[in-house]
Amino acid sequence: MKNNDNQKPYDLEDRTFNFAKDSRRFVKALPRTIPNIEDVKQFVRASGSIGANYIEAKESGYWLRLLDTGEKLKVQRDNLVGEATELIKICGAIIRKSEE
């Protein structure tokens, strides 16, 4: 989904996935110095975590909705689904804000 032809799509799953792939291509071109080797390890993990955390928030909401909680735990489950949804929205807002 694009908001116009000149701007990037807002599909966070695709964008975070592409960011991780692009990051991996980038580090392959870096000089292999001892500091770079150590820093690249952390960067590669972090670049993949962005998408994984977003996807896991979405997945958590999905599994929560599937749980048969009965009436006793329905409110707690619904609160957790709501929080997962809010976390997804926050992630999206942060990414959109960083583009301004």
Protein backbone atom coordinates (compact mmCIF):
# COMPACT_ATOMS: atom_id res chain seq x y z
CA MET A 1 0.00 0.00 0.00
CA LYS A 2 1.45 3.37 -1.04
CA ASN A 3 0.17 6.75 0.02
CA ASN A 4 1.32 8.20 -3.34
CA ASP A 5 3.68 7.26 -6.17
CA ASN A 6 6.70 9.08 -4.72
CA GLN A 7 6.65 7.60 -1.23
CA LYS A 8 7.59 4.22 0.19
CA PRO A 9 4.94 1.60 0.95
CA TYR A 10 3.76 1.32 4.55
CA ASP A 11 3.56 -2.49 4.60
CA LEU A 12 5.70 -2.99 7.68
CA GLU A 13 6.23 -6.71 7.15
CA ASP A 14 7.63 -6.15 3.66
CA ARG A 15 9.65 -3.11 4.67
CA THR A 16 11.19 -4.70 7.74
CA PHE A 17 12.00 -7.85 5.74
CA ASN A 18 13.62 -5.81 2.98
CA PHE A 19 15.55 -3.78 5.54
CA ALA A 20 17.01 -6.97 7.00
CA LYS A 21 17.92 -8.28 3.52
CA ASP A 22 19.44 -4.95 2.46
CA SER A 23 21.38 -4.79 5.73
CA ARG A 24 22.88 -8.20 5.08
CA ARG A 25 23.91 -7.19 1.55
CA PHE A 26 25.47 -4.00 2.94
CA VAL A 27 27.61 -5.74 5.56
CA LYS A 28 28.98 -8.17 2.97
CA ALA A 29 30.63 -5.17 1.29
CA LEU A 30 32.25 -3.78 4.45
CA PRO A 31 35.96 -4.16 5.14
CA ARG A 32 36.65 -7.11 7.42
CA THR A 33 38.30 -5.30 10.32
CA ILE A 34 38.08 -6.62 13.86
CA PRO A 35 35.77 -3.78 14.98
CA ASN A 36 33.56 -4.21 11.91
CA ILE A 37 33.28 -7.95 12.44
CA GLU A 38 32.07 -7.47 16.01
CA ASP A 39 29.75 -4.55 15.22
CA VAL A 40 28.28 -6.31 12.18
CA LYS A 41 27.21 -9.28 14.32
CA GLN A 42 25.13 -6.99 16.51
CA PHE A 43 23.80 -4.97 13.57
CA VAL A 44 22.66 -8.06 11.65
CA ARG A 45 20.82 -9.39 14.72
CA ALA A 46 19.19 -6.00 15.33
CA SER A 47 18.19 -5.51 11.69
CA GLY A 48 16.31 -8.82 11.74
CA SER A 49 14.75 -8.16 15.13
CA ILE A 50 12.81 -5.16 13.87
CA GLY A 51 10.64 -7.28 11.60
CA ALA A 52 10.55 -10.25 13.93
CA ASN A 53 9.23 -8.16 16.82
CA TYR A 54 6.56 -6.54 14.64
CA ILE A 55 5.50 -9.91 13.27
CA GLU A 56 5.52 -11.49 16.72
CA ALA A 57 3.22 -8.76 18.01
CA LYS A 58 0.79 -9.52 15.17
CA GLU A 59 1.15 -13.26 15.74
CA SER A 60 0.49 -12.89 19.47
CA GLY A 61 -2.81 -11.18 18.76
CA TYR A 62 -3.76 -13.94 16.34
CA TRP A 63 -3.08 -16.73 18.84
CA LEU A 64 -4.76 -14.87 21.67
CA ARG A 65 -7.95 -14.60 19.60
CA LEU A 66 -7.88 -18.36 18.97
CA LEU A 67 -7.69 -19.26 22.65
CA ASP A 68 -10.87 -20.57 24.24
CA THR A 69 -10.75 -18.61 27.47
CA GLY A 70 -14.30 -18.96 28.66
CA GLU A 71 -15.98 -16.01 30.31
CA LYS A 72 -13.58 -15.94 33.26
CA LEU A 73 -10.52 -14.90 31.23
CA LYS A 74 -12.20 -13.21 28.25
CA VAL A 75 -11.59 -9.68 29.53
CA GLN A 76 -7.91 -10.38 30.19
CA ARG A 77 -7.50 -11.93 26.75
CA ASP A 78 -9.25 -9.02 25.06
CA ASN A 79 -6.99 -6.59 26.93
CA LEU A 80 -3.92 -8.45 25.70
CA VAL A 81 -5.22 -8.46 22.11
CA GLY A 82 -5.77 -4.72 22.43
CA GLU A 83 -2.26 -4.18 23.73
CA ALA A 84 -0.74 -6.24 20.89
CA THR A 85 -2.71 -4.11 18.43
CA GLU A 86 -1.50 -0.91 20.09
CA LEU A 87 2.12 -2.10 19.95
CA ILE A 88 1.75 -2.73 16.22
CA LYS A 89 0.32 0.78 15.76
CA ILE A 90 3.14 2.31 17.79
CA CYS A 91 5.71 0.53 15.66
CA GLY A 92 4.02 1.81 12.52
CA ALA A 93 3.85 5.36 13.85
CA ILE A 94 7.53 5.31 14.77
CA ILE A 95 8.50 4.18 11.31
CA ARG A 96 6.26 6.75 9.61
CA LYS A 97 7.54 9.54 11.89
CA SER A 98 11.16 8.62 11.17
CA GLU A 99 10.51 9.22 7.46
CA GLU A 100 9.53 12.86 7.97
